[in-house]
Amino acid sequence: MNERLQSGFSLIEMLAALTILALAGVALMNALTTSTRSAALAREMTLAQIAAQNLLSEQILDTDPGQMRERSGEYALGGQAFAWALEIESTGQPDLVRLRLVISDPETEAVYQALETLRRTS
């Protein structure tokens, strides 16, 4: 019998190693894609929160309490456009109203943020 010493890897071993490497690469790419989407969504939500705070502050500071009315419009911040709507509701108290500012996507109308506060009317 001729016995030969084998050196290196067999074809089956190489295919198994490449398969494992390919599966790990696919999992890594999926994780990277998910991470990128999450970062983009976090940016949108952060900008929407800042926009909501800015708009609500503007409405409170720039408007005479007796002349508060429901409004809507668009607001751009950080290269992103948002639709906004200010809703005014009675609270049952004669000189107090509830302000609700809703920030949404202008195309899909998906709500990003909603802030509420109370304001005296006198």
PDB file of N, CA and C in Angstrom:
ATOM      1  N   MET A   1       0.796  -1.165   0.000  1.00  0.00           N
ATOM      2  CA  MET A   1       0.000   0.000   0.000  1.00  0.00           C
ATOM      3  C   MET A   1       0.849   1.242   0.000  1.00  0.00           C
ATOM      4  N   ASN A   2       0.406   2.127  -0.818  1.00  0.00           N
ATOM      5  CA  ASN A   2       1.074   3.430  -0.883  1.00  0.00           C
ATOM      6  C   ASN A   2       0.368   4.408   0.049  1.00  0.00           C
ATOM      7  N   GLU A   3       1.058   4.855   1.012  1.00  0.00           N
ATOM      8  CA  GLU A   3       0.479   5.860   1.891  1.00  0.00           C
ATOM      9  C   GLU A   3       1.126   7.184   1.569  1.00  0.00           C
ATOM     10  N   ARG A   4       0.240   8.158   1.282  1.00  0.00           N
ATOM     11  CA  ARG A   4       0.758   9.502   0.994  1.00  0.00           C
ATOM     12  C   ARG A   4       0.313  10.432   2.116  1.00  0.00           C
ATOM     13  N   LEU A   5       1.155  11.331   2.418  1.00  0.00           N
ATOM     14  CA  LEU A   5       0.802  12.341   3.401  1.00  0.00           C
ATOM     15  C   LEU A   5       0.018  13.435   2.695  1.00  0.00           C
ATOM     16  N   GLN A   6      -1.091  13.811   3.268  1.00  0.00           N
ATOM     17  CA  GLN A   6      -1.905  14.868   2.686  1.00  0.00           C
ATOM     18  C   GLN A   6      -1.522  16.183   3.317  1.00  0.00           C
ATOM     19  N   SER A   7      -1.404  17.183   2.496  1.00  0.00           N
ATOM     20  CA  SER A   7      -1.179  18.528   3.019  1.00  0.00           C
ATOM     21  C   SER A   7      -2.239  19.430   2.396  1.00  0.00           C
ATOM     22  N   GLY A   8      -2.752  20.387   3.178  1.00  0.00           N
ATOM     23  CA  GLY A   8      -3.785  21.282   2.675  1.00  0.00           C
ATOM     24  C   GLY A   8      -5.172  20.797   3.038  1.00  0.00           C
ATOM     25  N   PHE A   9      -6.160  21.440   2.444  1.00  0.00           N
ATOM     26  CA  PHE A   9      -7.567  21.137   2.715  1.00  0.00           C
ATOM     27  C   PHE A   9      -8.193  20.446   1.530  1.00  0.00           C
ATOM     28  N   SER A  10      -9.166  19.638   1.814  1.00  0.00           N
ATOM     29  CA  SER A  10      -9.878  18.976   0.725  1.00  0.00           C
ATOM     30  C   SER A  10     -10.915  19.952   0.147  1.00  0.00           C
ATOM     31  N   LEU A  11     -11.453  19.591  -0.994  1.00  0.00           N
ATOM     32  CA  LEU A  11     -12.440  20.430  -1.661  1.00  0.00           C
ATOM     33  C   LEU A  11     -13.693  20.583  -0.789  1.00  0.00           C
ATOM     34  N   ILE A  12     -14.110  19.532  -0.143  1.00  0.00           N
ATOM     35  CA  ILE A  12     -15.298  19.575   0.725  1.00  0.00           C
ATOM     36  C   ILE A  12     -15.059  20.532   1.890  1.00  0.00           C
ATOM     37  N   GLU A  13     -13.892  20.489   2.488  1.00  0.00           N
ATOM     38  CA  GLU A  13     -13.578  21.386   3.596  1.00  0.00           C
ATOM     39  C   GLU A  13     -13.584  22.845   3.144  1.00  0.00           C
ATOM     40  N   MET A  14     -13.060  23.118   1.968  1.00  0.00           N
ATOM     41  CA  MET A  14     -13.043  24.487   1.433  1.00  0.00           C
ATOM     42  C   MET A  14     -14.460  24.974   1.153  1.00  0.00           C
ATOM     43  N   LEU A  15     -15.303  24.126   0.591  1.00  0.00           N
ATOM     44  CA  LEU A  15     -16.688  24.523   0.312  1.00  0.00           C
ATOM     45  C   LEU A  15     -17.444  24.793   1.607  1.00  0.00           C
ATOM     46  N   ALA A  16     -17.213  23.979   2.621  1.00  0.00           N
ATOM     47  CA  ALA A  16     -17.873  24.191   3.912  1.00  0.00           C
ATOM     48  C   ALA A  16     -17.422  25.522   4.530  1.00  0.00           C
ATOM     49  N   ALA A  17     -16.140  25.805   4.453  1.00  0.00           N
ATOM     50  CA  ALA A  17     -15.608  27.050   5.009  1.00  0.00           C
ATOM     51  C   ALA A  17     -16.176  28.268   4.258  1.00  0.00           C
ATOM     52  N   LEU A  18     -16.244  28.183   2.936  1.00  0.00           N
ATOM     53  CA  LEU A  18     -16.796  29.285   2.144  1.00  0.00           C
ATOM     54  C   LEU A  18     -18.283  29.482   2.424  1.00  0.00           C
ATOM     55  N   THR A  19     -19.017  28.407   2.634  1.00  0.00           N
ATOM     56  CA  THR A  19     -20.443  28.508   2.959  1.00  0.00           C
ATOM     57  C   THR A  19     -20.639  29.217   4.287  1.00  0.00           C
ATOM     58  N   ILE A  20     -19.859  28.849   5.274  1.00  0.00           N
ATOM     59  CA  ILE A  20     -19.946  29.490   6.593  1.00  0.00           C
ATOM     60  C   ILE A  20     -19.580  30.969   6.481  1.00  0.00           C
ATOM     61  N   LEU A  21     -18.552  31.284   5.720  1.00  0.00           N
ATOM     62  CA  LEU A  21     -18.134  32.670   5.524  1.00  0.00           C
ATOM     63  C   LEU A  21     -19.229  33.473   4.812  1.00  0.00           C
ATOM     64  N   ALA A  22     -19.878  32.881   3.816  1.00  0.00           N
ATOM     65  CA  ALA A  22     -20.956  33.569   3.093  1.00  0.00           C
ATOM     66  C   ALA A  22     -22.144  33.834   4.007  1.00  0.00           C
ATOM     67  N   LEU A  23     -22.513  32.870   4.826  1.00  0.00           N
ATOM     68  CA  LEU A  23     -23.621  33.066   5.758  1.00  0.00           C
ATOM     69  C   LEU A  23     -23.310  34.165   6.770  1.00  0.00           C
ATOM     70  N   ALA A  24     -22.082  34.198   7.248  1.00  0.00           N
ATOM     71  CA  ALA A  24     -21.682  35.251   8.183  1.00  0.00           C
ATOM     72  C   ALA A  24     -21.723  36.618   7.496  1.00  0.00           C
ATOM     73  N   GLY A  25     -21.333  36.673   6.230  1.00  0.00           N
ATOM     74  CA  GLY A  25     -21.376  37.932   5.472  1.00  0.00           C
ATOM     75  C   GLY A  25     -22.800  38.433   5.287  1.00  0.00           C
ATOM     76  N   VAL A  26     -23.727  37.526   4.994  1.00  0.00           N
ATOM     77  CA  VAL A  26     -25.132  37.903   4.833  1.00  0.00           C
ATOM     78  C   VAL A  26     -25.696  38.431   6.152  1.00  0.00           C
ATOM     79  N   ALA A  27     -25.386  37.768   7.247  1.00  0.00           N
ATOM     80  CA  ALA A  27     -25.864  38.220   8.558  1.00  0.00           C
ATOM     81  C   ALA A  27     -25.296  39.599   8.899  1.00  0.00           C
ATOM     82  N   LEU A  28     -24.034  39.816   8.571  1.00  0.00           N
ATOM     83  CA  LEU A  28     -23.401  41.110   8.826  1.00  0.00           C
ATOM     84  C   LEU A  28     -24.048  42.210   7.993  1.00  0.00           C
ATOM     85  N   MET A  29     -24.352  41.933   6.738  1.00  0.00           N
ATOM     86  CA  MET A  29     -24.995  42.921   5.876  1.00  0.00           C
ATOM     87  C   MET A  29     -26.405  43.248   6.382  1.00  0.00           C
ATOM     88  N   ASN A  30     -27.147  42.248   6.842  1.00  0.00           N
ATOM     89  CA  ASN A  30     -28.477  42.499   7.404  1.00  0.00           C
ATOM     90  C   ASN A  30     -28.388  43.374   8.647  1.00  0.00           C
ATOM     91  N   ALA A  31     -27.423  43.109   9.492  1.00  0.00           N
ATOM     92  CA  ALA A  31     -27.240  43.917  10.700  1.00  0.00           C
ATOM     93  C   ALA A  31     -26.879  45.357  10.342  1.00  0.00           C
ATOM     94  N   LEU A  32     -26.049  45.534   9.346  1.00  0.00           N
ATOM     95  CA  LEU A  32     -25.646  46.870   8.904  1.00  0.00           C
ATOM     96  C   LEU A  32     -26.838  47.635   8.326  1.00  0.00           C
ATOM     97  N   THR A  33     -27.660  46.966   7.532  1.00  0.00           N
ATOM     98  CA  THR A  33     -28.839  47.595   6.951  1.00  0.00           C
ATOM     99  C   THR A  33     -29.822  48.020   8.037  1.00  0.00           C
ATOM    100  N   THR A  34     -30.062  47.148   8.999  1.00  0.00           N
ATOM    101  CA  THR A  34     -30.965  47.468  10.104  1.00  0.00           C
ATOM    102  C   THR A  34     -30.435  48.637  10.919  1.00  0.00           C
ATOM    103  N   SER A  35     -29.155  48.657  11.166  1.00  0.00           N
ATOM    104  CA  SER A  35     -28.533  49.740  11.920  1.00  0.00           C
ATOM    105  C   SER A  35     -28.672  51.070  11.183  1.00  0.00           C
ATOM    106  N   THR A  36     -28.479  51.061   9.879  1.00  0.00           N
ATOM    107  CA  THR A  36     -28.604  52.281   9.085  1.00  0.00           C
ATOM    108  C   THR A  36     -30.036  52.804   9.101  1.00  0.00           C
ATOM    109  N   ARG A  37     -31.004  51.901   8.966  1.00  0.00           N
ATOM    110  CA  ARG A  37     -32.415  52.314   9.018  1.00  0.00           C
ATOM    111  C   ARG A  37     -32.759  52.887  10.385  1.00  0.00           C
ATOM    112  N   SER A  38     -32.274  52.265  11.436  1.00  0.00           N
ATOM    113  CA  SER A  38     -32.551  52.742  12.791  1.00  0.00           C
ATOM    114  C   SER A  38     -31.951  54.122  13.024  1.00  0.00           C
ATOM    115  N   ALA A  39     -30.754  54.350  12.528  1.00  0.00           N
ATOM    116  CA  ALA A  39     -30.111  55.656  12.677  1.00  0.00           C
ATOM    117  C   ALA A  39     -30.892  56.731  11.918  1.00  0.00           C
ATOM    118  N   ALA A  40     -31.379  56.418  10.731  1.00  0.00           N
ATOM    119  CA  ALA A  40     -32.159  57.377   9.955  1.00  0.00           C
ATOM    120  C   ALA A  40     -33.477  57.697  10.660  1.00  0.00           C
ATOM    121  N   LEU A  41     -34.133  56.691  11.205  1.00  0.00           N
ATOM    122  CA  LEU A  41     -35.389  56.908  11.918  1.00  0.00           C
ATOM    123  C   LEU A  41     -35.157  57.724  13.189  1.00  0.00           C
ATOM    124  N   ALA A  42     -34.085  57.440  13.894  1.00  0.00           N
ATOM    125  CA  ALA A  42     -33.756  58.199  15.108  1.00  0.00           C
ATOM    126  C   ALA A  42     -33.507  59.666  14.767  1.00  0.00           C
ATOM    127  N   ARG A  43     -32.850  59.920  13.642  1.00  0.00           N
ATOM    128  CA  ARG A  43     -32.604  61.303  13.198  1.00  0.00           C
ATOM    129  C   ARG A  43     -33.926  62.001  12.896  1.00  0.00           C
ATOM    130  N   GLU A  44     -34.816  61.333  12.169  1.00  0.00           N
ATOM    131  CA  GLU A  44     -36.112  61.913  11.835  1.00  0.00           C
ATOM    132  C   GLU A  44     -36.909  62.233  13.095  1.00  0.00           C
ATOM    133  N   MET A  45     -36.929  61.314  14.034  1.00  0.00           N
ATOM    134  CA  MET A  45     -37.695  61.513  15.260  1.00  0.00           C
ATOM    135  C   MET A  45     -37.106  62.640  16.113  1.00  0.00           C
ATOM    136  N   THR A  46     -35.790  62.732  16.146  1.00  0.00           N
ATOM    137  CA  THR A  46     -35.138  63.804  16.899  1.00  0.00           C
ATOM    138  C   THR A  46     -35.446  65.158  16.272  1.00  0.00           C
ATOM    139  N   LEU A  47     -35.339  65.249  14.949  1.00  0.00           N
ATOM    140  CA  LEU A  47     -35.664  66.500  14.268  1.00  0.00           C
ATOM    141  C   LEU A  47     -37.133  66.864  14.461  1.00  0.00           C
ATOM    142  N   ALA A  48     -38.010  65.878  14.430  1.00  0.00           N
ATOM    143  CA  ALA A  48     -39.440  66.136  14.640  1.00  0.00           C
ATOM    144  C   ALA A  48     -39.693  66.661  16.052  1.00  0.00           C
ATOM    145  N   GLN A  49     -39.007  66.109  17.035  1.00  0.00           N
ATOM    146  CA  GLN A  49     -39.158  66.575  18.417  1.00  0.00           C
ATOM    147  C   GLN A  49     -38.688  68.017  18.552  1.00  0.00           C
ATOM    148  N   ILE A  50     -37.554  68.334  17.956  1.00  0.00           N
ATOM    149  CA  ILE A  50     -37.037  69.709  18.011  1.00  0.00           C
ATOM    150  C   ILE A  50     -37.991  70.657  17.290  1.00  0.00           C
ATOM    151  N   ALA A  51     -38.488  70.250  16.134  1.00  0.00           N
ATOM    152  CA  ALA A  51     -39.432  71.078  15.377  1.00  0.00           C
ATOM    153  C   ALA A  51     -40.701  71.321  16.191  1.00  0.00           C
ATOM    154  N   ALA A  52     -41.215  70.288  16.847  1.00  0.00           N
ATOM    155  CA  ALA A  52     -42.426  70.440  17.651  1.00  0.00           C
ATOM    156  C   ALA A  52     -42.206  71.416  18.803  1.00  0.00           C
ATOM    157  N   GLN A  53     -41.075  71.306  19.471  1.00  0.00           N
ATOM    158  CA  GLN A  53     -40.781  72.216  20.569  1.00  0.00           C
ATOM    159  C   GLN A  53     -40.632  73.651  20.066  1.00  0.00           C
ATOM    160  N   ASN A  54     -39.952  73.829  18.931  1.00  0.00           N
ATOM    161  CA  ASN A  54     -39.787  75.164  18.354  1.00  0.00           C
ATOM    162  C   ASN A  54     -41.134  75.782  17.994  1.00  0.00           C
ATOM    163  N   LEU A  55     -41.960  75.025  17.286  1.00  0.00           N
ATOM    164  CA  LEU A  55     -43.257  75.542  16.847  1.00  0.00           C
ATOM    165  C   LEU A  55     -44.182  75.844  18.013  1.00  0.00           C
ATOM    166  N   LEU A  56     -44.229  74.990  18.995  1.00  0.00           N
ATOM    167  CA  LEU A  56     -45.093  75.231  20.140  1.00  0.00           C
ATOM    168  C   LEU A  56     -44.622  76.466  20.908  1.00  0.00           C
ATOM    169  N   SER A  57     -43.323  76.616  21.054  1.00  0.00           N
ATOM    170  CA  SER A  57     -42.786  77.809  21.718  1.00  0.00           C
ATOM    171  C   SER A  57     -43.137  79.070  20.933  1.00  0.00           C
ATOM    172  N   GLU A  58     -43.007  79.019  19.603  1.00  0.00           N
ATOM    173  CA  GLU A  58     -43.371  80.172  18.763  1.00  0.00           C
ATOM    174  C   GLU A  58     -44.839  80.536  18.947  1.00  0.00           C
ATOM    175  N   GLN A  59     -45.705  79.532  18.945  1.00  0.00           N
ATOM    176  CA  GLN A  59     -47.137  79.798  19.075  1.00  0.00           C
ATOM    177  C   GLN A  59     -47.471  80.417  20.430  1.00  0.00           C
ATOM    178  N   ILE A  60     -46.808  79.972  21.453  1.00  0.00           N
ATOM    179  CA  ILE A  60     -47.069  80.499  22.788  1.00  0.00           C
ATOM    180  C   ILE A  60     -46.529  81.913  22.940  1.00  0.00           C
ATOM    181  N   LEU A  61     -45.309  82.142  22.439  1.00  0.00           N
ATOM    182  CA  LEU A  61     -44.661  83.439  22.642  1.00  0.00           C
ATOM    183  C   LEU A  61     -45.137  84.519  21.679  1.00  0.00           C
ATOM    184  N   ASP A  62     -45.466  84.148  20.445  1.00  0.00           N
ATOM    185  CA  ASP A  62     -45.778  85.151  19.425  1.00  0.00           C
ATOM    186  C   ASP A  62     -47.250  85.504  19.324  1.00  0.00           C
ATOM    187  N   THR A  63     -48.107  84.767  19.977  1.00  0.00           N
ATOM    188  CA  THR A  63     -49.536  84.979  19.817  1.00  0.00           C
ATOM    189  C   THR A  63     -50.139  85.495  21.111  1.00  0.00           C
ATOM    190  N   ASP A  64     -50.953  86.546  20.987  1.00  0.00           N
ATOM    191  CA  ASP A  64     -51.687  87.072  22.130  1.00  0.00           C
ATOM    192  C   ASP A  64     -52.638  85.976  22.625  1.00  0.00           C
ATOM    193  N   PRO A  65     -52.667  85.707  23.925  1.00  0.00           N
ATOM    194  CA  PRO A  65     -53.498  84.596  24.420  1.00  0.00           C
ATOM    195  C   PRO A  65     -54.958  84.658  23.975  1.00  0.00           C
ATOM    196  N   GLY A  66     -55.521  85.835  23.849  1.00  0.00           N
ATOM    197  CA  GLY A  66     -56.911  85.957  23.441  1.00  0.00           C
ATOM    198  C   GLY A  66     -57.139  85.702  21.962  1.00  0.00           C
ATOM    199  N   GLN A  67     -56.066  85.661  21.174  1.00  0.00           N
ATOM    200  CA  GLN A  67     -56.196  85.491  19.727  1.00  0.00           C
ATOM    201  C   GLN A  67     -55.675  84.134  19.245  1.00  0.00           C
ATOM    202  N   MET A  68     -55.546  83.202  20.139  1.00  0.00           N
ATOM    203  CA  MET A  68     -55.079  81.874  19.753  1.00  0.00           C
ATOM    204  C   MET A  68     -56.113  81.218  18.846  1.00  0.00           C
ATOM    205  N   ARG A  69     -55.658  80.606  17.761  1.00  0.00           N
ATOM    206  CA  ARG A  69     -56.557  79.894  16.855  1.00  0.00           C
ATOM    207  C   ARG A  69     -55.825  78.694  16.281  1.00  0.00           C
ATOM    208  N   GLU A  70     -56.576  77.742  15.778  1.00  0.00           N
ATOM    209  CA  GLU A  70     -55.963  76.557  15.182  1.00  0.00           C
ATOM    210  C   GLU A  70     -55.261  76.948  13.897  1.00  0.00           C
ATOM    211  N   ARG A  71     -54.101  76.376  13.696  1.00  0.00           N
ATOM    212  CA  ARG A  71     -53.273  76.686  12.521  1.00  0.00           C
ATOM    213  C   ARG A  71     -52.618  75.409  12.027  1.00  0.00           C
ATOM    214  N   SER A  72     -52.095  75.495  10.810  1.00  0.00           N
ATOM    215  CA  SER A  72     -51.308  74.389  10.267  1.00  0.00           C
ATOM    216  C   SER A  72     -50.351  74.953   9.230  1.00  0.00           C
ATOM    217  N   GLY A  73     -49.366  74.169   8.882  1.00  0.00           N
ATOM    218  CA  GLY A  73     -48.385  74.614   7.897  1.00  0.00           C
ATOM    219  C   GLY A  73     -47.288  73.585   7.720  1.00  0.00           C
ATOM    220  N   GLU A  74     -46.197  74.043   7.127  1.00  0.00           N
ATOM    221  CA  GLU A  74     -45.012  73.202   6.951  1.00  0.00           C
ATOM    222  C   GLU A  74     -43.833  73.865   7.623  1.00  0.00           C
ATOM    223  N   TYR A  75     -42.912  73.045   8.089  1.00  0.00           N
ATOM    224  CA  TYR A  75     -41.742  73.524   8.805  1.00  0.00           C
ATOM    225  C   TYR A  75     -40.548  72.703   8.348  1.00  0.00           C
ATOM    226  N   ALA A  76     -39.463  73.361   7.994  1.00  0.00           N
ATOM    227  CA  ALA A  76     -38.253  72.657   7.544  1.00  0.00           C
ATOM    228  C   ALA A  76     -37.171  72.791   8.612  1.00  0.00           C
ATOM    229  N   LEU A  77     -36.504  71.698   8.878  1.00  0.00           N
ATOM    230  CA  LEU A  77     -35.425  71.678   9.858  1.00  0.00           C
ATOM    231  C   LEU A  77     -34.448  70.578   9.488  1.00  0.00           C
ATOM    232  N   GLY A  78     -33.185  70.907   9.408  1.00  0.00           N
ATOM    233  CA  GLY A  78     -32.153  69.910   9.127  1.00  0.00           C
ATOM    234  C   GLY A  78     -32.315  69.230   7.784  1.00  0.00           C
ATOM    235  N   GLY A  79     -32.839  69.941   6.798  1.00  0.00           N
ATOM    236  CA  GLY A  79     -33.020  69.360   5.478  1.00  0.00           C
ATOM    237  C   GLY A  79     -34.246  68.472   5.360  1.00  0.00           C
ATOM    238  N   GLN A  80     -35.094  68.474   6.365  1.00  0.00           N
ATOM    239  CA  GLN A  80     -36.300  67.650   6.348  1.00  0.00           C
ATOM    240  C   GLN A  80     -37.519  68.549   6.517  1.00  0.00           C
ATOM    241  N   ALA A  81     -38.570  68.267   5.755  1.00  0.00           N
ATOM    242  CA  ALA A  81     -39.807  69.036   5.847  1.00  0.00           C
ATOM    243  C   ALA A  81     -40.813  68.271   6.696  1.00  0.00           C
ATOM    244  N   PHE A  82     -41.536  69.013   7.525  1.00  0.00           N
ATOM    245  CA  PHE A  82     -42.563  68.438   8.382  1.00  0.00           C
ATOM    246  C   PHE A  82     -43.856  69.212   8.180  1.00  0.00           C
ATOM    247  N   ALA A  83     -44.973  68.515   8.256  1.00  0.00           N
ATOM    248  CA  ALA A  83     -46.275  69.167   8.305  1.00  0.00           C
ATOM    249  C   ALA A  83     -46.630  69.319   9.783  1.00  0.00           C
ATOM    250  N   TRP A  84     -47.262  70.414  10.142  1.00  0.00           N
ATOM    251  CA  TRP A  84     -47.649  70.608  11.533  1.00  0.00           C
ATOM    252  C   TRP A  84     -49.066  71.147  11.622  1.00  0.00           C
ATOM    253  N   ALA A  85     -49.708  70.868  12.725  1.00  0.00           N
ATOM    254  CA  ALA A  85     -51.062  71.361  12.975  1.00  0.00           C
ATOM    255  C   ALA A  85     -51.191  71.662  14.462  1.00  0.00           C
ATOM    256  N   LEU A  86     -51.699  72.855  14.759  1.00  0.00           N
ATOM    257  CA  LEU A  86     -51.955  73.260  16.135  1.00  0.00           C
ATOM    258  C   LEU A  86     -53.449  73.137  16.393  1.00  0.00           C
ATOM    259  N   GLU A  87     -53.814  72.338  17.379  1.00  0.00           N
ATOM    260  CA  GLU A  87     -55.209  72.149  17.763  1.00  0.00           C
ATOM    261  C   GLU A  87     -55.428  72.813  19.120  1.00  0.00           C
ATOM    262  N   ILE A  88     -56.563  73.476  19.261  1.00  0.00           N
ATOM    263  CA  ILE A  88     -56.895  74.151  20.512  1.00  0.00           C
ATOM    264  C   ILE A  88     -58.194  73.551  21.038  1.00  0.00           C
ATOM    265  N   GLU A  89     -58.155  73.085  22.281  1.00  0.00           N
ATOM    266  CA  GLU A  89     -59.318  72.454  22.895  1.00  0.00           C
ATOM    267  C   GLU A  89     -59.659  73.146  24.206  1.00  0.00           C
ATOM    268  N   SER A  90     -60.913  73.192  24.509  1.00  0.00           N
ATOM    269  CA  SER A  90     -61.369  73.743  25.775  1.00  0.00           C
ATOM    270  C   SER A  90     -61.050  72.751  26.889  1.00  0.00           C
ATOM    271  N   THR A  91     -60.773  73.286  28.065  1.00  0.00           N
ATOM    272  CA  THR A  91     -60.469  72.416  29.215  1.00  0.00           C
ATOM    273  C   THR A  91     -61.603  72.388  30.234  1.00  0.00           C
ATOM    274  N   GLY A  92     -62.640  73.195  30.017  1.00  0.00           N
ATOM    275  CA  GLY A  92     -63.705  73.298  31.001  1.00  0.00           C
ATOM    276  C   GLY A  92     -63.470  74.438  31.972  1.00  0.00           C
ATOM    277  N   GLN A  93     -62.285  74.955  31.981  1.00  0.00           N
ATOM    278  CA  GLN A  93     -61.956  76.131  32.791  1.00  0.00           C
ATOM    279  C   GLN A  93     -62.133  77.368  31.906  1.00  0.00           C
ATOM    280  N   PRO A  94     -62.692  78.461  32.441  1.00  0.00           N
ATOM    281  CA  PRO A  94     -62.992  79.616  31.588  1.00  0.00           C
ATOM    282  C   PRO A  94     -61.778  80.296  30.966  1.00  0.00           C
ATOM    283  N   ASP A  95     -60.638  80.274  31.615  1.00  0.00           N
ATOM    284  CA  ASP A  95     -59.479  80.993  31.072  1.00  0.00           C
ATOM    285  C   ASP A  95     -58.291  80.067  30.773  1.00  0.00           C
ATOM    286  N   LEU A  96     -58.586  78.811  30.432  1.00  0.00           N
ATOM    287  CA  LEU A  96     -57.525  77.847  30.177  1.00  0.00           C
ATOM    288  C   LEU A  96     -57.870  76.997  28.958  1.00  0.00           C
ATOM    289  N   VAL A  97     -56.913  76.869  28.029  1.00  0.00           N
ATOM    290  CA  VAL A  97     -57.103  76.017  26.846  1.00  0.00           C
ATOM    291  C   VAL A  97     -55.946  75.037  26.750  1.00  0.00           C
ATOM    292  N   ARG A  98     -56.202  73.931  26.074  1.00  0.00           N
ATOM    293  CA  ARG A  98     -55.169  72.927  25.835  1.00  0.00           C
ATOM    294  C   ARG A  98     -54.672  73.109  24.406  1.00  0.00           C
ATOM    295  N   LEU A  99     -53.365  73.260  24.249  1.00  0.00           N
ATOM    296  CA  LEU A  99     -52.737  73.352  22.933  1.00  0.00           C
ATOM    297  C   LEU A  99     -52.118  72.001  22.613  1.00  0.00           C
ATOM    298  N   ARG A 100     -52.400  71.503  21.430  1.00  0.00           N
ATOM    299  CA  ARG A 100     -51.823  70.228  20.978  1.00  0.00           C
ATOM    300  C   ARG A 100     -51.202  70.464  19.621  1.00  0.00           C
ATOM    301  N   LEU A 101     -49.882  70.264  19.535  1.00  0.00           N
ATOM    302  CA  LEU A 101     -49.161  70.442  18.285  1.00  0.00           C
ATOM    303  C   LEU A 101     -48.749  69.070  17.761  1.00  0.00           C
ATOM    304  N   VAL A 102     -49.145  68.779  16.533  1.00  0.00           N
ATOM    305  CA  VAL A 102     -48.847  67.481  15.913  1.00  0.00           C
ATOM    306  C   VAL A 102     -47.893  67.700  14.748  1.00  0.00           C
ATOM    307  N   ILE A 103     -46.793  66.965  14.746  1.00  0.00           N
ATOM    308  CA  ILE A 103     -45.805  66.998  13.660  1.00  0.00           C
ATOM    309  C   ILE A 103     -45.940  65.692  12.883  1.00  0.00           C
ATOM    310  N   SER A 104     -46.062  65.805  11.558  1.00  0.00           N
ATOM    311  CA  SER A 104     -46.233  64.599  10.744  1.00  0.00           C
ATOM    312  C   SER A 104     -45.439  64.700   9.448  1.00  0.00           C
ATOM    313  N   ASP A 105     -45.357  63.580   8.758  1.00  0.00           N
ATOM    314  CA  ASP A 105     -44.716  63.518   7.445  1.00  0.00           C
ATOM    315  C   ASP A 105     -45.682  64.147   6.444  1.00  0.00           C
ATOM    316  N   PRO A 106     -45.226  65.133   5.660  1.00  0.00           N
ATOM    317  CA  PRO A 106     -46.147  65.791   4.729  1.00  0.00           C
ATOM    318  C   PRO A 106     -46.677  64.880   3.617  1.00  0.00           C
ATOM    319  N   GLU A 107     -45.962  63.828   3.299  1.00  0.00           N
ATOM    320  CA  GLU A 107     -46.388  62.933   2.214  1.00  0.00           C
ATOM    321  C   GLU A 107     -47.299  61.815   2.713  1.00  0.00           C
ATOM    322  N   THR A 108     -46.892  61.140   3.777  1.00  0.00           N
ATOM    323  CA  THR A 108     -47.657  59.981   4.264  1.00  0.00           C
ATOM    324  C   THR A 108     -48.610  60.332   5.404  1.00  0.00           C
ATOM    325  N   GLU A 109     -48.456  61.517   5.973  1.00  0.00           N
ATOM    326  CA  GLU A 109     -49.243  61.973   7.116  1.00  0.00           C
ATOM    327  C   GLU A 109     -49.040  61.121   8.359  1.00  0.00           C
ATOM    328  N   ALA A 110     -47.947  60.370   8.407  1.00  0.00           N
ATOM    329  CA  ALA A 110     -47.604  59.591   9.601  1.00  0.00           C
ATOM    330  C   ALA A 110     -47.160  60.561  10.698  1.00  0.00           C
ATOM    331  N   VAL A 111     -47.714  60.410  11.883  1.00  0.00           N
ATOM    332  CA  VAL A 111     -47.414  61.319  12.984  1.00  0.00           C
ATOM    333  C   VAL A 111     -46.059  60.961  13.590  1.00  0.00           C
ATOM    334  N   TYR A 112     -45.172  61.961  13.657  1.00  0.00           N
ATOM    335  CA  TYR A 112     -43.862  61.780  14.277  1.00  0.00           C
ATOM    336  C   TYR A 112     -43.912  62.136  15.761  1.00  0.00           C
ATOM    337  N   GLN A 113     -44.494  63.295  16.078  1.00  0.00           N
ATOM    338  CA  GLN A 113     -44.521  63.783  17.453  1.00  0.00           C
ATOM    339  C   GLN A 113     -45.827  64.512  17.706  1.00  0.00           C
ATOM    340  N   ALA A 114     -46.260  64.523  18.946  1.00  0.00           N
ATOM    341  CA  ALA A 114     -47.405  65.321  19.375  1.00  0.00           C
ATOM    342  C   ALA A 114     -47.082  65.863  20.763  1.00  0.00           C
ATOM    343  N   LEU A 115     -47.140  67.180  20.895  1.00  0.00           N
ATOM    344  CA  LEU A 115     -46.881  67.827  22.182  1.00  0.00           C
ATOM    345  C   LEU A 115     -48.141  68.520  22.650  1.00  0.00           C
ATOM    346  N   GLU A 116     -48.372  68.498  23.951  1.00  0.00           N
ATOM    347  CA  GLU A 116     -49.522  69.168  24.534  1.00  0.00           C
ATOM    348  C   GLU A 116     -49.065  70.056  25.678  1.00  0.00           C
ATOM    349  N   THR A 117     -49.772  71.169  25.833  1.00  0.00           N
ATOM    350  CA  THR A 117     -49.533  72.055  26.947  1.00  0.00           C
ATOM    351  C   THR A 117     -50.811  72.833  27.227  1.00  0.00           C
ATOM    352  N   LEU A 118     -50.832  73.516  28.363  1.00  0.00           N
ATOM    353  CA  LEU A 118     -51.971  74.348  28.722  1.00  0.00           C
ATOM    354  C   LEU A 118     -51.576  75.802  28.601  1.00  0.00           C
ATOM    355  N   ARG A 119     -52.554  76.660  28.249  1.00  0.00           N
ATOM    356  CA  ARG A 119     -52.268  78.087  28.087  1.00  0.00           C
ATOM    357  C   ARG A 119     -53.453  78.893  28.618  1.00  0.00           C
ATOM    358  N   ARG A 120     -53.132  79.924  29.354  1.00  0.00           N
ATOM    359  CA  ARG A 120     -54.179  80.834  29.829  1.00  0.00           C
ATOM    360  C   ARG A 120     -54.628  81.706  28.679  1.00  0.00           C
ATOM    361  N   THR A 121     -55.891  82.006  28.640  1.00  0.00           N
ATOM    362  CA  THR A 121     -56.428  82.858  27.560  1.00  0.00           C
ATOM    363  C   THR A 121     -56.535  84.309  27.968  1.00  0.00           C
ATOM    364  N   SER A 122     -56.232  84.604  29.199  1.00  0.00           N
ATOM    365  CA  SER A 122     -56.317  86.011  29.643  1.00  0.00           C
ATOM    366  C   SER A 122     -55.009  86.462  30.254  1.00  0.00           C
TER     367      SER A 122
END
